[in-house]
C-alpha atoms as a PDB file:
ATOM      1  CA  MET A   1      19.794  -9.514  11.090  1.00  0.00           C
ATOM      2  CA  ASN A   2      21.343 -12.421   9.198  1.00  0.00           C
ATOM      3  CA  GLU A   3      21.625 -15.450  11.495  1.00  0.00           C
ATOM      4  CA  ASN A   4      24.438 -16.950   9.415  1.00  0.00           C
ATOM      5  CA  CYS A   5      28.103 -16.357  10.211  1.00  0.00           C
ATOM      6  CA  CYS A   6      29.591 -13.852   7.769  1.00  0.00           C
ATOM      7  CA  ILE A   7      32.819 -15.900   7.601  1.00  0.00           C
ATOM      8  CA  CYS A   8      31.789 -19.566   7.317  1.00  0.00           C
ATOM      9  CA  MET A   9      28.263 -18.755   6.083  1.00  0.00           C
ATOM     10  CA  GLU A  10      26.808 -21.428   8.393  1.00  0.00           C
ATOM     11  CA  ARG A  11      24.266 -20.730  11.131  1.00  0.00           C
ATOM     12  CA  CYS A  12      26.055 -18.955  13.966  1.00  0.00           C
ATOM     13  CA  LEU A  13      26.941 -21.183  16.876  1.00  0.00           C
ATOM     14  CA  ILE A  14      27.339 -18.787  19.788  1.00  0.00           C
ATOM     15  CA  PRO A  15      26.979 -15.599  17.698  1.00  0.00           C
ATOM     16  CA  VAL A  16      29.352 -12.783  18.634  1.00  0.00           C
ATOM     17  CA  GLU A  17      29.765  -9.165  17.580  1.00  0.00           C
ATOM     18  CA  ILE A  18      33.312  -7.984  16.891  1.00  0.00           C
ATOM     19  CA  ILE A  19      34.017  -4.934  19.057  1.00  0.00           C
ATOM     20  CA  CYS A  20      37.801  -4.564  18.922  1.00  0.00           C
ATOM     21  CA  PHE A  21      38.197  -2.529  15.712  1.00  0.00           C
ATOM     22  CA  PRO A  22      38.232   1.284  15.772  1.00  0.00           C
ATOM     23  CA  CYS A  23      35.145   1.299  13.534  1.00  0.00           C
ATOM     24  CA  TYR A  24      33.132  -0.040  16.499  1.00  0.00           C
ATOM     25  CA  ARG A  25      31.397   2.633  18.570  1.00  0.00           C
ATOM     26  CA  LEU A  26      29.357   1.771  21.638  1.00  0.00           C
ATOM     27  CA  ASN A  27      25.638   2.443  21.039  1.00  0.00           C
ATOM     28  CA  GLN A  28      26.390   3.591  17.492  1.00  0.00           C
ATOM     29  CA  LEU A  29      26.092   1.887  14.114  1.00  0.00           C
ATOM     30  CA  GLY A  30      29.286   0.336  12.839  1.00  0.00           C
ATOM     31  CA  CYS A  31      30.654  -2.358  10.554  1.00  0.00           C
ATOM     32  CA  SER A  32      29.605  -5.218  12.830  1.00  0.00           C
ATOM     33  CA  SER A  33      26.265  -3.815  13.979  1.00  0.00           C
ATOM     34  CA  PHE A  34      24.201  -6.040  11.660  1.00  0.00           C
ATOM     35  CA  CYS A  35      26.496  -9.046  11.177  1.00  0.00           C
ATOM     36  CA  ARG A  36      27.505 -11.791  13.539  1.00  0.00           C
ATOM     37  CA  ILE A  37      30.289 -14.365  13.564  1.00  0.00           C
ATOM     38  CA  CYS A  38      30.205 -17.757  15.256  1.00  0.00           C
ATOM     39  CA  ILE A  39      32.573 -17.960  18.195  1.00  0.00           C
ATOM     40  CA  MET A  40      34.873 -20.481  16.515  1.00  0.00           C
ATOM     41  CA  CYS A  41      35.322 -18.252  13.451  1.00  0.00           C
ATOM     42  CA  ALA A  42      35.923 -15.245  15.729  1.00  0.00           C
ATOM     43  CA  ASN A  43      38.682 -17.148  17.550  1.00  0.00           C
ATOM     44  CA  HIS A  44      40.359 -18.126  14.272  1.00  0.00           C
ATOM     45  CA  PHE A  45      39.860 -14.740  12.588  1.00  0.00           C
ATOM     46  CA  LEU A  46      41.343 -12.794  15.515  1.00  0.00           C
ATOM     47  CA  GLN A  47      43.876 -15.554  16.314  1.00  0.00           C
ATOM     48  CA  LEU A  48      42.668 -15.798  19.899  1.00  0.00           C
ATOM     49  CA  ASP A  49      43.605 -19.468  19.834  1.00  0.00           C
ATOM     50  CA  MET A  50      47.315 -18.564  19.542  1.00  0.00           C
ATOM     51  CA  HIS A  51      49.860 -17.139  21.985  1.00  0.00           C
ATOM     52  CA  GLN A  52      49.947 -13.362  21.643  1.00  0.00           C
ATOM     53  CA  GLU A  53      53.561 -13.289  20.461  1.00  0.00           C
ATOM     54  CA  GLN A  54      52.733 -15.766  17.670  1.00  0.00           C
ATOM     55  CA  ARG A  55      49.874 -13.763  16.150  1.00  0.00           C
ATOM     56  CA  ASP A  56      50.034 -11.558  13.082  1.00  0.00           C
ATOM     57  CA  PHE A  57      50.927  -7.982  13.873  1.00  0.00           C
ATOM     58  CA  VAL A  58      47.611  -6.483  12.698  1.00  0.00           C
ATOM     59  CA  LYS A  59      44.236  -7.646  11.435  1.00  0.00           C
ATOM     60  CA  LYS A  60      41.946  -5.632   9.159  1.00  0.00           C
ATOM     61  CA  CYS A  61      38.220  -5.291   9.694  1.00  0.00           C
ATOM     62  CA  ILE A  62      36.137  -7.515   7.397  1.00  0.00           C
ATOM     63  CA  TYR A  63      34.308  -4.500   5.955  1.00  0.00           C
ATOM     64  CA  CYS A  64      36.519  -1.407   6.236  1.00  0.00           C
ATOM     65  CA  PRO A  65      40.246  -0.463   6.322  1.00  0.00           C
ATOM     66  CA  ALA A  66      40.328  -0.207  10.138  1.00  0.00           C
ATOM     67  CA  THR A  67      43.003  -2.387  11.763  1.00  0.00           C
ATOM     68  CA  ILE A  68      43.783  -3.676  15.239  1.00  0.00           C
ATOM     69  CA  PRO A  69      47.108  -5.003  16.675  1.00  0.00           C
ATOM     70  CA  LEU A  70      46.376  -8.639  17.519  1.00  0.00           C
ATOM     71  CA  HIS A  71      48.907  -8.960  20.342  1.00  0.00           C
ATOM     72  CA  LEU A  72      46.697  -6.707  22.484  1.00  0.00           C
ATOM     73  CA  LEU A  73      43.561  -8.814  22.153  1.00  0.00           C
ATOM     74  CA  SER A  74      41.836 -11.024  24.689  1.00  0.00           C
ATOM     75  CA  ASN A  75      38.350 -12.538  24.537  1.00  0.00           C
ATOM     76  CA  ASP A  76      36.733  -9.899  26.730  1.00  0.00           C
ATOM     77  CA  LYS A  77      38.120  -7.102  24.539  1.00  0.00           C
ATOM     78  CA  ALA A  78      37.644  -8.778  21.147  1.00  0.00           C
ATOM     79  CA  PHE A  79      33.931  -9.564  20.926  1.00  0.00           C
ATOM     80  CA  ARG A  80      30.677  -9.726  22.834  1.00  0.00           C
ATOM     81  CA  VAL A  81      28.243 -12.638  22.819  1.00  0.00           C
ATOM     82  CA  ASP A  82      24.820 -11.890  21.290  1.00  0.00           C
ATOM     83  CA  TYR A  83      22.484 -13.633  23.735  1.00  0.00           C
ATOM     84  CA  SER A  84      19.357 -12.252  22.033  1.00  0.00           C
ATOM     85  CA  LEU A  85      20.215 -13.995  18.769  1.00  0.00           C
ATOM     86  CA  MET A  86      21.098 -17.180  20.657  1.00  0.00           C
ATOM     87  CA  LEU A  87      17.626 -17.283  22.194  1.00  0.00           C
ATOM     88  CA  LEU A  88      16.007 -17.119  18.765  1.00  0.00           C
ATOM     89  CA  ASP A  89      17.544 -20.478  17.891  1.00  0.00           C
ATOM     90  CA  SER A  90      15.221 -23.240  19.134  1.00  0.00           C
ATOM     91  CA  LYS A  91      17.364 -26.149  17.969  1.00  0.00           C
ATOM     92  CA  PRO A  92      18.147 -28.285  21.050  1.00  0.00           C
ATOM     93  CA  ASN A  93      20.972 -30.463  19.771  1.00  0.00           C
ATOM     94  CA  HIS A  94      23.902 -28.355  18.575  1.00  0.00           C
ATOM     95  CA  ILE A  95      27.254 -30.137  18.743  1.00  0.00           C
ATOM     96  CA  CYS A  96      30.177 -28.310  20.353  1.00  0.00           C
ATOM     97  CA  PRO A  97      32.416 -27.247  17.460  1.00  0.00           C
ATOM     98  CA  PHE A  98      35.533 -27.426  19.631  1.00  0.00           C
ATOM     99  CA  CYS A  99      35.397 -30.797  21.399  1.00  0.00           C
ATOM    100  CA  LEU A 100      32.629 -32.427  19.294  1.00  0.00           C
ATOM    101  CA  ASN A 101      31.626 -34.228  22.464  1.00  0.00           C
ATOM    102  CA  TYR A 102      28.747 -32.152  23.842  1.00  0.00           C
ATOM    103  CA  THR A 103      25.192 -31.557  22.588  1.00  0.00           C
ATOM    104  CA  GLY A 104      22.711 -28.915  23.670  1.00  0.00           C
ATOM    105  CA  ASN A 105      20.984 -25.681  22.757  1.00  0.00           C
ATOM    106  CA  GLN A 106      22.959 -22.478  22.257  1.00  0.00           C
ATOM    107  CA  ILE A 107      22.677 -21.318  25.889  1.00  0.00           C
ATOM    108  CA  MET A 108      23.799 -24.717  27.161  1.00  0.00           C
ATOM    109  CA  LEU A 109      26.585 -24.767  24.584  1.00  0.00           C
ATOM    110  CA  HIS A 110      27.844 -21.364  25.682  1.00  0.00           C
ATOM    111  CA  HIS A 111      27.890 -22.496  29.314  1.00  0.00           C
ATOM    112  CA  HIS A 112      29.768 -25.625  28.231  1.00  0.00           C
ATOM    113  CA  LEU A 113      32.433 -23.533  26.478  1.00  0.00           C
ATOM    114  CA  GLU A 114      32.833 -21.204  29.433  1.00  0.00           C
ATOM    115  CA  LYS A 115      33.026 -23.901  32.121  1.00  0.00           C
ATOM    116  CA  GLU A 116      33.918 -27.336  30.799  1.00  0.00           C
ATOM    117  CA  CYS A 117      34.927 -27.709  27.169  1.00  0.00           C
ATOM    118  CA  PRO A 118      38.454 -29.213  27.218  1.00  0.00           C
ATOM    119  CA  LYS A 119      39.236 -28.008  23.690  1.00  0.00           C
ATOM    120  CA  PHE A 120      38.150 -24.376  24.110  1.00  0.00           C
ATOM    121  CA  PRO A 121      41.145 -21.973  24.020  1.00  0.00           C
ATOM    122  CA  LYS A 122      41.739 -19.978  27.185  1.00  0.00           C
ATOM    123  CA  GLN A 123      44.079 -17.030  27.389  1.00  0.00           C
ATOM    124  CA  CYS A 124      46.173 -16.569  30.498  1.00  0.00           C
ATOM    125  CA  GLU A 125      47.208 -13.209  31.910  1.00  0.00           C
ATOM    126  CA  CYS A 126      50.783 -14.081  30.978  1.00  0.00           C
ATOM    127  CA  LYS A 127      49.615 -13.678  27.323  1.00  0.00           C
ATOM    128  CA  LYS A 128      49.823 -17.363  26.469  1.00  0.00           C
ATOM    129  CA  VAL A 129      46.877 -19.396  25.191  1.00  0.00           C
ATOM    130  CA  PHE A 130      46.107 -23.004  26.121  1.00  0.00           C
ATOM    131  CA  LEU A 131      43.318 -25.479  25.617  1.00  0.00           C
ATOM    132  CA  LYS A 132      41.228 -25.563  28.749  1.00  0.00           C
ATOM    133  CA  GLN A 133      42.334 -29.148  29.400  1.00  0.00           C
ATOM    134  CA  ASP A 134      45.956 -27.957  29.592  1.00  0.00           C
ATOM    135  CA  PHE A 135      45.378 -24.637  31.314  1.00  0.00           C
ATOM    136  CA  TYR A 136      45.478 -25.941  34.892  1.00  0.00           C
ATOM    137  CA  PHE A 137      48.888 -27.540  34.373  1.00  0.00           C
ATOM    138  CA  HIS A 138      50.204 -24.263  32.975  1.00  0.00           C
ATOM    139  CA  LEU A 139      49.270 -22.532  36.239  1.00  0.00           C
ATOM    140  CA  PHE A 140      51.909 -24.539  38.119  1.00  0.00           C
ATOM    141  CA  THR A 141      54.651 -22.387  36.581  1.00  0.00           C
ATOM    142  CA  CYS A 142      52.715 -19.307  35.430  1.00  0.00           C
ATOM    143  CA  PRO A 143      54.333 -16.068  36.688  1.00  0.00           C
ATOM    144  CA  SER A 144      50.937 -14.320  36.684  1.00  0.00           C
ATOM    145  CA  HIS A 145      49.318 -16.626  39.248  1.00  0.00           C
ATOM    146  CA  ILE A 146      49.842 -17.429  42.919  1.00  0.00           C
ATOM    147  CA  HIS A 147      49.078 -20.722  44.611  1.00  0.00           C
ATOM    148  CA  CYS A 148      46.677 -20.058  47.465  1.00  0.00           C
ATOM    149  CA  PRO A 149      47.778 -22.235  50.407  1.00  0.00           C
ATOM    150  CA  LEU A 150      44.310 -22.012  51.974  1.00  0.00           C
ATOM    151  CA  CYS A 151      42.222 -23.460  49.140  1.00  0.00           C
ATOM    152  CA  THR A 152      45.027 -24.909  46.924  1.00  0.00           C
ATOM    153  CA  LYS A 153      43.750 -22.978  43.896  1.00  0.00           C
ATOM    154  CA  TYR A 154      45.886 -20.880  41.569  1.00  0.00           C
ATOM    155  CA  ILE A 155      44.718 -17.282  41.734  1.00  0.00           C
ATOM    156  CA  SER A 156      45.614 -14.394  39.474  1.00  0.00           C
ATOM    157  CA  LYS A 157      48.025 -11.986  41.144  1.00  0.00           C
ATOM    158  CA  LEU A 158      45.675  -9.150  40.194  1.00  0.00           C
ATOM    159  CA  VAL A 159      42.867 -10.489  42.403  1.00  0.00           C
ATOM    160  CA  TYR A 160      44.819 -12.528  44.967  1.00  0.00           C
ATOM    161  CA  ASN A 161      44.409  -9.968  47.752  1.00  0.00           C
ATOM    162  CA  ASP A 162      40.668  -9.725  47.155  1.00  0.00           C
ATOM    163  CA  HIS A 163      40.494 -13.525  47.065  1.00  0.00           C
ATOM    164  CA  LEU A 164      42.043 -13.778  50.532  1.00  0.00           C
ATOM    165  CA  LYS A 165      39.738 -11.108  51.932  1.00  0.00           C
ATOM    166  CA  THR A 166      36.425 -12.239  50.462  1.00  0.00           C
ATOM    167  CA  ILE A 167      36.872 -16.026  50.334  1.00  0.00           C
ATOM    168  CA  HIS A 168      39.033 -16.732  53.369  1.00  0.00           C
ATOM    169  CA  ALA A 169      38.325 -13.715  55.611  1.00  0.00           C
ATOM    170  CA  TYR A 170      42.010 -12.827  55.691  1.00  0.00           C
ATOM    171  CA  ASP A 171      43.286  -9.273  55.835  1.00  0.00           C
ATOM    172  CA  SER A 172      46.703  -7.747  55.376  1.00  0.00           C
ATOM    173  CA  CYS A 173      48.791  -6.571  58.290  1.00  0.00           C
ATOM    174  CA  PRO A 174      49.336  -2.798  57.956  1.00  0.00           C
ATOM    175  CA  HIS A 175      53.001  -3.232  58.878  1.00  0.00           C
ATOM    176  CA  CYS A 176      54.309  -6.347  57.095  1.00  0.00           C
ATOM    177  CA  GLU A 177      51.433  -6.708  54.567  1.00  0.00           C
ATOM    178  CA  GLN A 178      51.207 -10.415  55.366  1.00  0.00           C
ATOM    179  CA  PHE A 179      47.665 -11.792  55.156  1.00  0.00           C
ATOM    180  CA  ILE A 180      46.389 -13.002  58.519  1.00  0.00           C
ATOM    181  CA  SER A 181      43.037 -14.397  59.582  1.00  0.00           C
ATOM    182  CA  THR A 182      40.944 -11.517  60.905  1.00  0.00           C
ATOM    183  CA  GLU A 183      40.507 -13.541  64.101  1.00  0.00           C
ATOM    184  CA  PHE A 184      44.224 -13.224  64.886  1.00  0.00           C
ATOM    185  CA  LEU A 185      45.040  -9.968  63.119  1.00  0.00           C
ATOM    186  CA  ILE A 186      44.997  -7.723  66.205  1.00  0.00           C
ATOM    187  CA  ASN A 187      47.272 -10.050  68.157  1.00  0.00           C
ATOM    188  CA  HIS A 188      49.610 -10.265  65.169  1.00  0.00           C
ATOM    189  CA  THR A 189      49.863  -6.497  64.650  1.00  0.00           C
ATOM    190  CA  GLU A 190      50.370  -5.787  68.371  1.00  0.00           C
ATOM    191  CA  ASN A 191      52.523  -8.711  69.534  1.00  0.00           C
ATOM    192  CA  ILE A 192      53.875 -10.844  66.709  1.00  0.00           C
ATOM    193  CA  CYS A 193      54.525  -8.793  63.581  1.00  0.00           C
ATOM    194  CA  PRO A 194      58.290  -8.291  63.145  1.00  0.00           C
ATOM    195  CA  LEU A 195      57.663  -4.897  61.550  1.00  0.00           C
ATOM    196  CA  ARG A 196      55.356  -3.531  64.233  1.00  0.00           C
ATOM    197  CA  PRO A 197      56.468  -0.129  65.597  1.00  0.00           C
ATOM    198  CA  VAL A 198      58.100  -0.004  69.036  1.00  0.00           C
ATOM    199  CA  ILE A 199      59.753   2.732  71.105  1.00  0.00           C
ATOM    200  CA  CYS A 200      63.237   2.236  72.483  1.00  0.00           C
ATOM    201  CA  THR A 201      62.924   2.719  76.240  1.00  0.00           C
ATOM    202  CA  PHE A 202      66.525   3.892  76.408  1.00  0.00           C
ATOM    203  CA  CYS A 203      66.530   6.692  73.816  1.00  0.00           C
ATOM    204  CA  PHE A 204      62.765   6.833  73.035  1.00  0.00           C
ATOM    205  CA  LYS A 205      63.359   6.486  69.318  1.00  0.00           C
ATOM    206  CA  LEU A 206      60.550   4.953  67.200  1.00  0.00           C
ATOM    207  CA  LEU A 207      61.689   1.917  65.210  1.00  0.00           C
ATOM    208  CA  LYS A 208      60.522  -1.470  63.883  1.00  0.00           C
ATOM    209  CA  TYR A 209      60.548  -4.447  66.208  1.00  0.00           C
ATOM    210  CA  ASN A 210      62.923  -6.473  64.030  1.00  0.00           C
ATOM    211  CA  GLN A 211      65.434  -3.610  64.374  1.00  0.00           C
ATOM    212  CA  TYR A 212      65.099  -3.343  68.167  1.00  0.00           C
ATOM    213  CA  HIS A 213      67.670  -6.013  69.046  1.00  0.00           C
ATOM    214  CA  SER A 214      70.392  -4.540  66.840  1.00  0.00           C
ATOM    215  CA  HIS A 215      69.410  -1.051  68.032  1.00  0.00           C
ATOM    216  CA  LEU A 216      69.933  -2.046  71.689  1.00  0.00           C
ATOM    217  CA  ASN A 217      73.202  -3.726  70.785  1.00  0.00           C
ATOM    218  CA  LEU A 218      74.272  -0.435  69.247  1.00  0.00           C
ATOM    219  CA  HIS A 219      73.539   1.341  72.544  1.00  0.00           C
ATOM    220  CA  LEU A 220      75.443  -1.379  74.410  1.00  0.00           C
ATOM    221  CA  ASN A 221      78.480  -1.101  72.138  1.00  0.00           C
ATOM    222  CA  GLU A 222      78.478   2.666  72.487  1.00  0.00           C
ATOM    223  CA  THR A 223      78.417   2.320  76.265  1.00  0.00           C
ATOM    224  CA  ILE A 224      81.220  -0.267  76.210  1.00  0.00           C
ATOM    225  CA  ASN A 225      83.315   2.076  74.071  1.00  0.00           C
ATOM    226  CA  GLU A 226      82.651   4.897  76.515  1.00  0.00           C
ATOM    227  CA  MET A 227      83.739   2.661  79.390  1.00  0.00           C
ATOM    228  CA  ARG A 228      86.918   1.727  77.501  1.00  0.00           C
ATOM    229  CA  ASP A 229      87.636   5.399  76.872  1.00  0.00           C
ATOM    230  CA  ILE A 230      87.097   6.143  80.562  1.00  0.00           C
ATOM    231  CA  LYS A 231      89.352   3.260  81.564  1.00  0.00           C
ATOM    232  CA  GLN A 232      92.036   4.426  79.160  1.00  0.00           C
ATOM    233  CA  LYS A 233      91.721   7.955  80.469  1.00  0.00           C
ATOM    234  CA  TYR A 234      91.933   6.691  84.056  1.00  0.00           C
ATOM    235  CA  GLN A 235      95.105   4.743  83.301  1.00  0.00           C
ATOM    236  CA  GLU A 236      96.700   7.771  81.666  1.00  0.00           C
ATOM    237  CA  CYS A 237      95.759   9.948  84.644  1.00  0.00           C
ATOM    238  CA  TYR A 238      97.079   7.367  87.081  1.00  0.00           C
ATOM    239  CA  VAL A 239     100.460   7.317  85.321  1.00  0.00           C
ATOM    240  CA  LYS A 240     100.592  11.114  85.563  1.00  0.00           C
ATOM    241  CA  TYR A 241      99.613  10.913  89.209  1.00  0.00           C
ATOM    242  CA  LYS A 242     102.485   8.521  89.989  1.00  0.00           C
ATOM    243  CA  GLU A 243     104.993  10.695  88.146  1.00  0.00           C
ATOM    244  CA  ILE A 244     103.879  13.797  89.986  1.00  0.00           C
ATOM    245  CA  PHE A 245     103.792  11.912  93.290  1.00  0.00           C
ATOM    246  CA  GLU A 246     107.416  10.766  92.798  1.00  0.00           C
ATOM    247  CA  LEU A 247     108.500  14.306  91.885  1.00  0.00           C
ATOM    248  CA  LEU A 248     106.985  15.481  95.117  1.00  0.00           C
ATOM    249  CA  GLY A 249     109.122  12.986  97.086  1.00  0.00           C
ATOM    250  CA  PRO A 250     111.980  15.391  98.109  1.00  0.00           C
ATOM    251  CA  PHE A 251     109.540  18.008  99.193  1.00  0.00           C
ATOM    252  CA  ARG A 252     107.796  15.588 101.458  1.00  0.00           C
ATOM    253  CA  THR A 253     111.232  14.769 103.126  1.00  0.00           C
ATOM    254  CA  LEU A 254     111.932  18.429 103.765  1.00  0.00           C
ATOM    255  CA  LEU A 255     108.532  18.971 105.203  1.00  0.00           C
ATOM    256  CA  GLU A 256     108.897  15.999 107.482  1.00  0.00           C
ATOM    257  CA  GLY A 257     112.358  17.266 108.700  1.00  0.00           C
END
């Protein structure tokens, strides 16, 4: 395999195999099976250093007519790093092509790009791309991340629940879905959660706790209305009683005489 990049023709720095085109088949020979591209050329060629909405609509394979829509690409779907070819390079003092401020062998250089390089482009889940040095500040307003109040890190919404469970030993309440420390979860679900199920001891209806107060007020209002109806009915009956009692007046005089 040629150790030179097929785009810049220089020795590959972090050699990658393009895997995003339809001509690529896993475990089968394809256009990129025997050629490698350095990671910087791959980023430029596939426009991974640009926001997705700013990229060209399609890009053609270097060797065949196959095309790929660039707005769908991310690093993990665009190429794979060839570690075997990296290990064949014994040169210990490669300079980082992005920041020009780090020296090491290819394995060290790859680790530097993944973890520290301030000039390496990083794509966010919101489809925007930033230099790593600017990425953290983007997270303050990114709609795809949540600020974890427990560790003050910004976590992707896709893995936030798993983050709370595995890192902080928090679990979600089955009623309100709020994440609570497992130490207090039982007490929360049984005594604190506003959405915990309760049974009305008046009508035995199952409802949520935060509805219980208004539910009891509904019973109270119904009872008050019934009492008002009874009072109104009593007053009407009492009026009738007095009228009938007065009509019976002459008959009472005759009976007494």
